[in-house]
Each structure stands twice: as C-alpha cells, then as structure tokens.
C-alpha cells in the first residue's frame, strides 16, 4: 500500500476530466454521485458557467493506484437548491459588514438525499485520504475567500470524519419508508391501525374509480413525446410558485441515455392521456422520489404517484428504503417514519467565537428548531426565498420541528417513544461583530 506522502490532491473544474470508471468506483451504489449524473448536470448547463454552482471537485491520486478519493464540491454564490437553510447566517454576515458568499458546498446539486460525501476507494487508507480531502477543501476556501464549507446530507460513515475536522453538525428531519420484507402492499397495510388502513385504501380507490392508470417506466422507455409531457409536469411544479425549474429538458435526455437503469418514472394516464408523473432514481437498496408534477387535480393523485407507487415498486424489487423527498408530517400516517438527516458546517469565524455562543453542550450540534434570536429570522427568510421541493411538490422550507427526529419515534400505528432532545446553538450578527 502506498504511503499517504505519495498522495496528491487535484482540483477538478469539470468531472469530465476524471475517467468515469475511476469516479464510479468511489460512488458505490448512489445514483446521484455517479459520474453520469454529475457530468449530465455540467453538460446541460444546470451547473457550471453562468450558474451559482461552480464545480470545484477534489480528487486524491496516487502514482501507482490512481484515484483513491474524491469530494463532490462546488463554489456557491447563493443558497438555492441546497435544501439546508443558511439564509440567517448570510443575513448575519451582511449585517456585520462581511460577505457570506462565495462559500463551498459539498453536495449533489438540487438533491436532498443522504449519501456518501467523503468518497474513498475501498483499497485506500480512509483516514489518510479523508484528511487530505478536508485539508485541501480548507485551503481552497482560504484561496478564494470563502466564508465557510458546508457538507449536506452526508451518510453516517462520513459524519465522524467531518466532526473530527471541526465541522459543526446541524440536524434536520425527513420521512423515509423501510421495507420489512413485505410480500405485497396488502401485507404492508396490515401493519397499520384499522382507521389508517381504511384511509389509504380509500385514497387508492379514488384513483381507480377516477379511471386513472399508472405505468412504471425505466429511463429509456418513455417516447420523446412522453418525455416532453413528463418535463412539462415537472416544470409546472416550479412555475406555479413563480420559479424556473432547476433542471432543463436536456438533463432528462442525458440521464435517460446514460443511466436509464437508475430511473423509474411513475406516469399517470387519464383517458389515455398522461396527466401526472413522479420521477424517481434508485440504486440497489434505495429508491429516491425526486420530481413530481401534474396537469390535472385529482383527489389523492399526489399520494398515489409519489408514495404508493414507490412503495409498491420497492416491495416488488426488494428495495429496502424509500426516500420520497423533504418535508411532510402527513407521510407518517402513510407508513413513513421520521429519520434524522445531517449537515456539517466548517465556519472559522464562528469557531473563534465559540465561547460567546450559549449552548447546553459542546458547540458541535445546531438544532434549527430554536425559536429565539436569529432563528426566528430563519423561518422568515426561508418563507420569503422558498425553493421548490421537487420530491413532493411543496415549497422548500425548514421542517416545522427539527427535534421530531430525535424526540419522537413513530410507527405506522401512531405510537411514540420519546428520547432526549438536542441542544441549541443560536448565532447572530452580535457574535460576528466581536471578531
């Protein structure tokens, strides 16, 4: 095995500079980290020049073993499309006469899905490679004058590495479905209380009685006309809120061509005409509900397209987890469970003032549900600048209660078991002015 002293780190401004096979060896089973998906974002202009997402990926190389590690990294000039809210931090910087942008974001653009962020080849020394990546990210931040580095939705295996490097943890909540080896949707419903079981059956019956039928299509199965309709439905979700969609038509053509096996489209038809869609990605173990849109308004259509079709697909394919997007306590009564999600934030300006930040435990955990000080401005800023949660078709806003992932464990029958809550950190411009 090579010594860590033989490792070198490169900054990559386009992932097309990296061989697909080498990058995909790091990405494991995550469809959004595949070379095909990230390059598709670049080729179609969703990220890159003239956008707020400038690729600045880092790779660790060894002369004999090739690429051993990678960090999907972007220079950001705003906070849209991240699904982790830091508008209040930007406001605090502005009031203190400082610039919050640019910043560095380690994430998949427009994708609130948990996955690997510190990518390390299985044959490499993980500690050495992650150390090189994090050190290089800190140097890059200094070189470009970035205020901070933000790692969004990292998998559990990466959390310790970020924390050990001095990143602050911020907790949020999504609602995920887990497959307990169900043989059918009916067997899954048998775990519900009688009232909730009847409610789900009634919602599904309404779709059937309305004459709506669903097709499930792999990425290379829709015709060009069908893809036109699918993109139109997706765009309507954004346009109804006065926003242009994050992704363009070319992006869907590209991923349908390069990674059709990772796509499944739930396409609803009424009177033989397409009327709604839910676009999902999947690996071997997880289905991700990402984009939803509709032409018509039918009772329970959203639930069927975005939840029940996905659950049925997971049961049929033996997929263990279904992540349908952000937000939505209403998902609990439909079999989804609160699941903690994390982001990690390297903010030197706050770290230097850690003694001025009041917390009930070490300054490594931020709970965005605090209601005092600047956090009251988080909700206001988020409401004003709300992005579209394309996974469920609702506005992208902070979870109503971030603590819900820890303070209550839910089951489909509605039982709760309480556990201790996380501590709060409240950061305001006052802390910045002391630097």
Protein backbone atom coordinates (compact mmCIF):
# COMPACT_ATOMS: atom_id res chain seq x y z
CA UNK A 1 0.00 0.00 0.00
CA UNK A 2 1.29 3.46 -0.87
CA UNK A 3 2.25 5.93 1.82
CA UNK A 4 -0.01 8.92 2.36
CA UNK A 5 3.01 11.08 1.50
CA UNK A 6 2.70 9.86 -2.10
CA UNK A 7 -0.88 11.14 -2.31
CA UNK A 8 -1.57 14.34 -4.21
CA UNK A 9 -4.79 16.34 -4.40
CA UNK A 10 -6.15 17.90 -7.57
CA UNK A 11 -8.95 20.41 -8.03
CA UNK A 12 -11.22 19.42 -10.93
CA UNK A 13 -13.38 22.10 -12.57
CA UNK A 14 -15.28 19.52 -14.63
CA UNK A 15 -15.85 15.88 -13.78
CA UNK A 16 -15.30 15.08 -17.44
CA UNK A 17 -11.60 15.39 -16.57
CA UNK A 18 -11.94 12.22 -14.46
CA UNK A 19 -12.46 8.77 -16.03
CA UNK A 20 -15.99 7.53 -15.36
CA UNK A 21 -14.77 4.14 -14.18
CA UNK A 22 -12.42 5.68 -11.60
CA UNK A 23 -15.08 8.02 -10.18
CA UNK A 24 -17.83 5.41 -10.10
CA UNK A 25 -15.55 3.10 -8.13
CA UNK A 26 -15.81 5.74 -5.37
CA UNK A 27 -19.54 6.45 -5.72
CA UNK A 28 -20.67 3.00 -4.62
CA UNK A 29 -24.42 2.50 -5.21
CA UNK A 30 -25.52 6.15 -5.07
CA UNK A 31 -27.11 7.15 -8.42
CA UNK A 32 -26.66 10.88 -7.78
CA UNK A 33 -22.92 10.54 -7.25
CA UNK A 34 -22.39 8.54 -10.40
CA UNK A 35 -20.16 10.14 -12.99
CA UNK A 36 -23.06 10.04 -15.46
CA UNK A 37 -25.37 12.15 -13.28
CA UNK A 38 -22.85 14.79 -12.19
CA UNK A 39 -21.47 15.14 -15.72
CA UNK A 40 -25.03 15.44 -17.07
CA UNK A 41 -25.56 18.46 -14.80
CA UNK A 42 -22.43 20.04 -16.30
CA UNK A 43 -23.09 19.17 -19.95
CA UNK A 44 -26.62 20.55 -19.88
CA UNK A 45 -25.73 23.80 -18.12
CA UNK A 46 -27.60 23.08 -14.88
CA UNK A 47 -24.30 23.74 -13.06
CA UNK A 48 -21.16 25.47 -14.25
CA UNK A 49 -20.60 28.83 -16.01
CA UNK A 50 -23.42 31.34 -15.63
CA UNK A 51 -24.91 29.39 -12.70
CA UNK A 52 -24.47 29.68 -8.93
CA UNK A 53 -22.95 26.17 -8.82
CA UNK A 54 -19.30 26.18 -9.94
CA UNK A 55 -17.71 22.69 -9.88
CA UNK A 56 -14.53 22.53 -7.78
CA UNK A 57 -14.29 18.79 -7.12
CA UNK A 58 -11.26 17.45 -5.28
CA UNK A 59 -9.61 14.10 -6.02
CA UNK A 60 -6.80 12.31 -4.22
CA UNK A 61 -4.45 10.44 -6.53
CA UNK A 62 -1.55 8.06 -6.10
CA UNK A 63 1.04 7.43 -8.79
CA UNK A 64 0.62 3.65 -8.64
CA UNK A 65 -3.04 3.21 -7.61
CA UNK A 66 -4.70 6.08 -9.44
CA UNK A 67 -7.68 7.91 -7.93
CA UNK A 68 -8.21 6.92 -4.29
CA UNK A 69 -10.67 9.55 -3.09
CA UNK A 70 -12.97 12.35 -4.13
CA UNK A 71 -15.02 15.22 -2.74
CA UNK A 72 -18.02 16.47 -4.78
CA UNK A 73 -17.52 20.19 -4.19
CA UNK A 74 -19.00 23.40 -5.59
CA UNK A 75 -18.28 27.09 -5.19
CA UNK A 76 -21.66 28.68 -4.42
CA UNK A 77 -22.83 32.26 -4.81
CA UNK A 78 -26.29 31.81 -3.29
CA UNK A 79 -28.09 29.20 -1.19
CA UNK A 80 -30.75 27.96 -3.56
CA UNK A 81 -31.14 24.31 -4.40
CA UNK A 82 -29.41 23.10 -1.24
CA UNK A 83 -32.39 22.17 0.99
CA UNK A 84 -30.39 23.07 4.11
CA UNK A 85 -31.18 26.60 5.18
CA UNK A 86 -28.44 29.09 5.96
CA UNK A 87 -30.17 32.32 4.91
CA UNK A 88 -29.95 33.56 8.51
CA UNK A 89 -26.19 33.07 8.54
CA UNK A 90 -25.90 35.03 5.30
CA UNK A 91 -28.04 37.78 6.81
CA UNK A 92 -25.86 37.83 9.94
CA UNK A 93 -22.71 38.20 7.83
CA UNK A 94 -24.31 41.04 5.85
CA UNK A 95 -25.38 42.94 8.98
CA UNK A 96 -21.86 42.58 10.34
CA UNK A 97 -20.42 44.06 7.17
CA UNK A 98 -18.99 40.76 5.94
CA UNK A 99 -19.55 38.65 2.83
CA UNK A 100 -21.06 35.17 3.18
CA UNK A 101 -20.57 34.32 -0.48
CA UNK A 102 -18.74 32.64 -2.03
CA UNK A 103 -18.94 29.52 0.09
CA UNK A 104 -18.02 25.90 -0.62
CA UNK A 105 -20.73 23.24 -0.68
CA UNK A 106 -20.05 19.51 -0.63
CA UNK A 107 -23.28 18.09 -2.00
CA UNK A 108 -25.19 16.89 -5.04
CA UNK A 109 -26.88 19.96 -6.57
CA UNK A 110 -30.65 20.20 -6.10
CA UNK A 111 -30.75 16.82 -4.34
CA UNK A 112 -31.70 16.45 -0.64
CA UNK A 113 -30.72 12.78 -0.48
CA UNK A 114 -28.39 11.27 2.10
CA UNK A 115 -25.31 9.63 0.61
CA UNK A 116 -21.51 9.47 0.64
CA UNK A 117 -19.68 12.80 0.62
CA UNK A 118 -16.14 11.73 1.51
CA UNK A 119 -15.55 9.25 -1.29
CA UNK A 120 -12.75 6.77 -0.59
CA UNK A 121 -11.68 3.71 -2.57
CA UNK A 122 -12.07 0.52 -0.55
CA UNK A 123 -8.37 -0.27 -1.02
CA UNK A 124 -7.15 3.08 0.36
CA UNK A 125 -6.33 4.30 3.87
CA UNK A 126 -9.60 6.08 4.70
CA UNK A 127 -8.18 8.29 7.44
CA UNK A 128 -5.31 9.48 5.27
CA UNK A 129 -7.48 10.13 2.21
CA UNK A 130 -10.24 11.98 4.09
CA UNK A 131 -7.60 14.06 5.85
CA UNK A 132 -6.13 15.09 2.50
CA UNK A 133 -9.56 15.97 1.11
CA UNK A 134 -10.62 18.06 4.09
CA UNK A 135 -7.28 19.85 4.29
CA UNK A 136 -7.48 20.65 0.57
CA UNK A 137 -11.04 21.97 0.95
CA UNK A 138 -9.91 24.29 3.77
CA UNK A 139 -7.01 25.57 1.65
CA UNK A 140 -9.33 26.19 -1.30
CA UNK A 141 -11.72 28.11 0.95
CA UNK A 142 -8.84 30.32 2.05
CA UNK A 143 -7.59 30.83 -1.51
CA UNK A 144 -10.95 32.01 -2.89
CA UNK A 145 -12.04 33.90 0.23
CA UNK A 146 -14.93 31.55 1.00
CA UNK A 147 -16.64 32.18 4.33
CA UNK A 148 -17.35 28.54 5.05
CA UNK A 149 -17.65 24.92 3.88
CA UNK A 150 -20.93 23.00 4.08
CA UNK A 151 -21.35 19.23 3.71
CA UNK A 152 -25.02 18.48 3.05
CA UNK A 153 -26.80 15.17 3.69
CA UNK A 154 -23.69 13.06 4.42
CA UNK A 155 -24.12 9.38 5.22
CA UNK A 156 -23.47 8.23 8.78
CA UNK A 157 -19.99 6.89 7.94
CA UNK A 158 -18.84 10.41 6.99
CA UNK A 159 -20.28 12.26 9.99
CA UNK A 160 -17.47 11.35 12.39
CA UNK A 161 -14.83 12.50 9.90
CA UNK A 162 -16.48 15.90 9.49
CA UNK A 163 -16.94 16.29 13.25
CA UNK A 164 -13.33 15.34 13.94
CA UNK A 165 -12.23 18.02 11.46
CA UNK A 166 -14.07 20.69 13.48
CA UNK A 167 -17.29 20.91 11.47
CA UNK A 168 -20.47 21.79 13.37
CA UNK A 169 -23.35 19.34 13.00
CA UNK A 170 -26.83 20.54 12.09
CA UNK A 171 -29.78 18.19 12.39
CA UNK A 172 -32.94 18.06 10.32
CA UNK A 173 -35.64 15.53 9.57
CA UNK A 174 -37.10 13.68 6.61
CA UNK A 175 -39.64 10.87 6.38
CA UNK A 176 -38.46 7.56 4.94
CA UNK A 177 -40.13 4.21 4.30
CA UNK A 178 -38.39 0.98 5.26
CA UNK A 179 -39.10 -2.44 3.79
CA UNK A 180 -39.64 -5.09 6.46
CA UNK A 181 -39.63 -7.87 3.90
CA UNK A 182 -43.22 -7.28 2.79
CA UNK A 183 -44.52 -9.70 0.19
CA UNK A 184 -47.20 -7.27 -1.00
CA UNK A 185 -48.71 -3.85 -0.44
CA UNK A 186 -51.55 -5.54 1.42
CA UNK A 187 -49.08 -7.10 3.85
CA UNK A 188 -47.57 -3.68 4.43
CA UNK A 189 -51.02 -2.21 5.13
CA UNK A 190 -51.66 -4.97 7.66
CA UNK A 191 -49.19 -3.20 9.99
CA UNK A 192 -51.48 -0.14 10.13
CA UNK A 193 -54.27 0.56 12.56
CA UNK A 194 -57.72 -0.13 11.14
CA UNK A 195 -58.55 3.57 10.65
CA UNK A 196 -55.31 4.38 8.84
CA UNK A 197 -55.56 1.25 6.72
CA UNK A 198 -59.04 2.29 5.58
CA UNK A 199 -57.78 5.80 4.78
CA UNK A 200 -55.01 4.52 2.50
CA UNK A 201 -57.37 2.08 0.79
CA UNK A 202 -59.87 4.89 0.22
CA UNK A 203 -57.19 7.12 -1.32
CA UNK A 204 -56.10 4.38 -3.70
CA UNK A 205 -59.72 3.52 -4.55
CA UNK A 206 -60.41 7.14 -5.53
CA UNK A 207 -57.67 6.96 -8.14
CA UNK A 208 -59.03 3.69 -9.51
CA UNK A 209 -62.59 4.96 -9.59
CA UNK A 210 -61.48 8.12 -11.41
CA UNK A 211 -60.16 5.91 -14.21
CA UNK A 212 -56.51 6.86 -13.67
CA UNK A 213 -53.93 4.24 -14.60
CA UNK A 214 -50.19 4.17 -13.92
CA UNK A 215 -47.27 2.92 -15.97
CA UNK A 216 -43.81 2.43 -14.41
CA UNK A 217 -41.13 3.10 -16.98
CA UNK A 218 -37.35 2.78 -16.94
CA UNK A 219 -35.40 5.77 -18.19
CA UNK A 220 -35.12 4.54 -21.78
CA UNK A 221 -38.78 3.52 -22.14
CA UNK A 222 -40.70 6.82 -22.50
CA UNK A 223 -41.06 8.12 -26.04
CA UNK A 224 -39.83 11.66 -26.86
CA UNK A 225 -43.45 12.84 -26.66
CA UNK A 226 -43.84 11.25 -23.25
CA UNK A 227 -40.61 12.87 -22.04
CA UNK A 228 -41.97 16.22 -23.25
CA UNK A 229 -45.07 15.67 -21.13
CA UNK A 230 -43.03 14.49 -18.13
CA UNK A 231 -40.83 17.60 -18.28
CA UNK A 232 -43.89 19.82 -18.66
CA UNK A 233 -45.44 18.34 -15.49
CA UNK A 234 -42.15 18.74 -13.60
CA UNK A 235 -41.81 22.37 -14.72
CA UNK A 236 -45.35 23.23 -13.62
CA UNK A 237 -44.44 22.41 -10.01
CA UNK A 238 -41.91 25.26 -10.07
CA UNK A 239 -43.75 27.69 -12.35
CA UNK A 240 -46.83 27.63 -10.09
CA UNK A 241 -44.60 29.21 -7.46
CA UNK A 242 -43.05 31.73 -9.79
CA UNK A 243 -39.76 29.89 -10.19
CA UNK A 244 -37.93 28.42 -13.14
CA UNK A 245 -37.18 24.70 -12.74
CA UNK A 246 -33.69 23.79 -11.54
CA UNK A 247 -33.21 21.21 -14.29
CA UNK A 248 -33.74 21.57 -18.02
CA UNK A 249 -35.14 19.25 -20.67
CA UNK A 250 -31.67 18.30 -21.89
CA UNK A 251 -30.75 16.96 -18.46
CA UNK A 252 -33.51 14.38 -18.59
CA UNK A 253 -32.49 13.31 -22.08
CA UNK A 254 -28.91 12.89 -20.89
CA UNK A 255 -29.64 10.80 -17.79
CA UNK A 256 -32.20 8.71 -19.71
CA UNK A 257 -29.45 7.94 -22.22
CA UNK A 258 -26.53 7.36 -19.84
CA UNK A 259 -28.16 5.80 -16.76
CA UNK A 260 -31.64 4.50 -17.70
CA UNK A 261 -31.31 1.60 -15.26
CA UNK A 262 -31.30 4.07 -12.35
CA UNK A 263 -34.51 5.80 -13.39
CA UNK A 264 -38.12 4.81 -12.82
CA UNK A 265 -40.95 7.09 -13.93
CA UNK A 266 -44.44 6.75 -12.49
CA UNK A 267 -46.61 8.08 -15.31
CA UNK A 268 -50.32 8.58 -14.69
CA UNK A 269 -52.84 8.42 -17.53
CA UNK A 270 -56.44 9.60 -17.72
CA UNK A 271 -58.47 8.82 -20.81
CA UNK A 272 -55.24 7.51 -22.36
CA UNK A 273 -53.51 10.88 -21.92
CA UNK A 274 -50.61 11.48 -19.49
CA UNK A 275 -51.65 13.77 -16.64
CA UNK A 276 -49.04 13.42 -13.88
CA UNK A 277 -45.64 11.98 -13.07
CA UNK A 278 -43.25 11.17 -10.26
CA UNK A 279 -39.64 10.78 -11.39
CA UNK A 280 -37.53 8.55 -9.16
CA UNK A 281 -33.92 7.37 -9.09
CA UNK A 282 -32.75 4.20 -7.43
CA UNK A 283 -29.73 2.10 -6.60
CA UNK A 284 -29.81 -1.46 -5.32
CA UNK A 285 -31.08 -0.59 -1.84
CA UNK A 286 -32.79 2.81 -2.01
CA UNK A 287 -35.47 4.49 -4.11
CA UNK A 288 -35.38 8.30 -4.22
CA UNK A 289 -38.53 10.21 -5.11
CA UNK A 290 -37.23 13.39 -6.70
CA UNK A 291 -39.56 15.23 -9.05
CA UNK A 292 -43.34 15.48 -9.21
CA UNK A 293 -45.78 17.36 -11.37
CA UNK A 294 -49.30 17.18 -12.74
CA UNK A 295 -51.56 18.65 -15.37
CA UNK A 296 -54.83 17.96 -13.58
CA UNK A 297 -56.05 17.99 -9.99
CA UNK A 298 -57.49 14.67 -8.84
CA UNK A 299 -58.12 13.77 -5.23
CA UNK A 300 -55.22 11.65 -3.83
CA UNK A 301 -53.29 11.74 -7.11
CA UNK A 302 -50.18 13.10 -5.40
CA UNK A 303 -50.26 10.38 -2.72
CA UNK A 304 -50.61 7.64 -5.32
CA UNK A 305 -47.90 8.94 -7.64
CA UNK A 306 -45.34 9.97 -5.03
CA UNK A 307 -45.89 7.43 -2.24
CA UNK A 308 -47.93 4.32 -3.01
CA UNK A 309 -46.46 3.64 -6.45
CA UNK A 310 -42.98 3.96 -4.97
CA UNK A 311 -43.75 1.64 -2.06
CA UNK A 312 -45.16 -0.97 -4.43
CA UNK A 313 -42.05 -0.69 -6.60
CA UNK A 314 -39.79 -1.21 -3.57
CA UNK A 315 -41.75 -4.28 -2.45
CA UNK A 316 -41.65 -5.80 -5.94
CA UNK A 317 -37.92 -5.11 -6.42
CA UNK A 318 -36.80 -5.90 -2.87
CA UNK A 319 -35.54 -2.34 -2.30
CA UNK A 320 -35.04 -1.63 1.38
CA UNK A 321 -35.55 2.15 1.71
CA UNK A 322 -37.70 4.78 0.02
CA UNK A 323 -36.78 8.46 0.43
CA UNK A 324 -39.64 10.46 -1.12
CA UNK A 325 -38.15 13.94 -0.64
CA UNK A 326 -38.18 16.58 2.08
CA UNK A 327 -40.93 17.74 4.40
CA UNK A 328 -44.28 16.18 5.14
CA UNK A 329 -45.52 15.05 8.55
CA UNK A 330 -48.53 13.75 6.61
CA UNK A 331 -46.25 10.93 5.41
CA UNK A 332 -46.27 9.37 8.90
CA UNK A 333 -49.85 8.17 8.58
CA UNK A 334 -48.91 6.58 5.25
CA UNK A 335 -46.12 4.42 6.65
CA UNK A 336 -43.10 6.72 6.52
CA UNK A 337 -41.00 7.28 9.64
CA UNK A 338 -39.14 10.38 10.85
CA UNK A 339 -35.46 9.97 10.03
CA UNK A 340 -32.66 12.25 11.13
CA UNK A 341 -30.64 13.88 8.35
CA UNK A 342 -27.46 15.83 8.91
CA UNK A 343 -25.31 18.59 7.51
CA UNK A 344 -21.86 19.66 8.68
CA UNK A 345 -20.53 23.21 8.63
CA UNK A 346 -16.96 24.49 8.84
CA UNK A 347 -17.23 28.15 9.85
CA UNK A 348 -13.96 29.51 11.25
CA UNK A 349 -15.50 32.86 12.14
CA UNK A 350 -17.99 31.13 14.47
CA UNK A 351 -15.42 28.72 15.87
CA UNK A 352 -13.25 31.61 17.03
CA UNK A 353 -16.22 32.94 18.98
CA UNK A 354 -17.37 29.61 20.40
CA UNK A 355 -17.06 30.96 23.94
CA UNK A 356 -19.67 33.60 23.09
CA UNK A 357 -22.22 31.07 21.82
CA UNK A 358 -24.52 29.81 24.55
CA UNK A 359 -25.12 26.07 24.39
CA UNK A 360 -26.13 23.29 26.72
CA UNK A 361 -23.41 21.01 25.32
CA UNK A 362 -20.24 21.32 23.18
CA UNK A 363 -20.56 23.62 20.18
CA UNK A 364 -20.84 20.84 17.63
CA UNK A 365 -24.60 20.50 17.20
CA UNK A 366 -27.03 23.04 15.78
CA UNK A 367 -30.77 22.49 16.12
CA UNK A 368 -32.66 24.71 13.71
CA UNK A 369 -35.89 24.45 15.70
CA UNK A 370 -34.74 27.01 18.28
CA UNK A 371 -37.21 29.88 18.41
CA UNK A 372 -35.06 32.67 19.85
CA UNK A 373 -32.73 35.26 18.33
CA UNK A 374 -31.67 34.84 14.77
CA UNK A 375 -33.50 31.54 14.32
CA UNK A 376 -36.78 33.40 14.20
CA UNK A 377 -35.35 35.01 11.08
CA UNK A 378 -34.55 31.62 9.55
CA UNK A 379 -38.24 30.86 9.04
CA UNK A 380 -38.97 34.36 7.74
CA UNK A 381 -36.08 34.30 5.31
CA UNK A 382 -36.94 30.79 4.19
CA UNK A 383 -40.58 31.70 3.59
CA UNK A 384 -39.51 34.69 1.50
CA UNK A 385 -36.97 32.74 -0.53
CA UNK A 386 -38.60 29.32 -0.52
CA UNK A 387 -37.31 26.93 -3.15
CA UNK A 388 -39.41 24.13 -4.60
CA UNK A 389 -39.13 20.69 -3.04
CA UNK A 390 -39.40 18.79 -6.28
CA UNK A 391 -39.62 15.49 -4.44
CA UNK A 392 -43.11 16.20 -3.10
CA UNK A 393 -44.18 19.32 -4.96
CA UNK A 394 -44.35 21.58 -1.92
CA UNK A 395 -42.32 24.68 -1.05
CA UNK A 396 -38.81 24.02 0.27
CA UNK A 397 -38.95 25.20 3.86
CA UNK A 398 -37.38 24.20 7.16
CA UNK A 399 -39.03 21.31 8.98
CA UNK A 400 -41.64 22.53 11.42
CA UNK A 401 -39.85 20.84 14.27
CA UNK A 402 -36.35 19.60 13.64
CA UNK A 403 -36.36 17.91 17.03
CA UNK A 404 -39.05 15.47 15.90
CA UNK A 405 -36.47 13.04 14.55
CA UNK A 406 -34.97 12.54 17.99
CA UNK A 407 -37.73 13.48 20.38
CA UNK A 408 -40.28 11.03 18.99
CA UNK A 409 -40.04 7.68 17.28
CA UNK A 410 -43.19 6.93 15.26
CA UNK A 411 -44.71 3.69 14.00
CA UNK A 412 -47.45 3.25 11.37
CA UNK A 413 -49.90 2.75 14.24
CA UNK A 414 -49.09 6.19 15.59
CA UNK A 415 -47.29 5.21 18.79
CA UNK A 416 -44.49 7.48 20.02
CA UNK A 417 -41.48 6.87 22.18
CA UNK A 418 -39.70 9.97 23.43
CA UNK A 419 -35.93 10.35 23.72
CA UNK A 420 -33.79 13.34 24.75
CA UNK A 421 -33.71 16.41 22.55
CA UNK A 422 -30.63 18.00 21.06
CA UNK A 423 -29.14 21.21 22.38
CA UNK A 424 -29.49 24.59 20.67
CA UNK A 425 -26.95 26.98 19.22
CA UNK A 426 -28.12 30.49 18.43
CA UNK A 427 -25.82 32.53 16.20
CA UNK A 428 -26.40 36.20 15.44
CA UNK A 429 -24.58 39.18 13.99
CA UNK A 430 -23.55 40.11 17.54
CA UNK A 431 -21.18 37.15 17.57
CA UNK A 432 -19.64 38.20 14.26
CA UNK A 433 -19.11 41.77 15.38
CA UNK A 434 -16.90 40.56 18.21
CA UNK A 435 -14.32 39.02 15.86
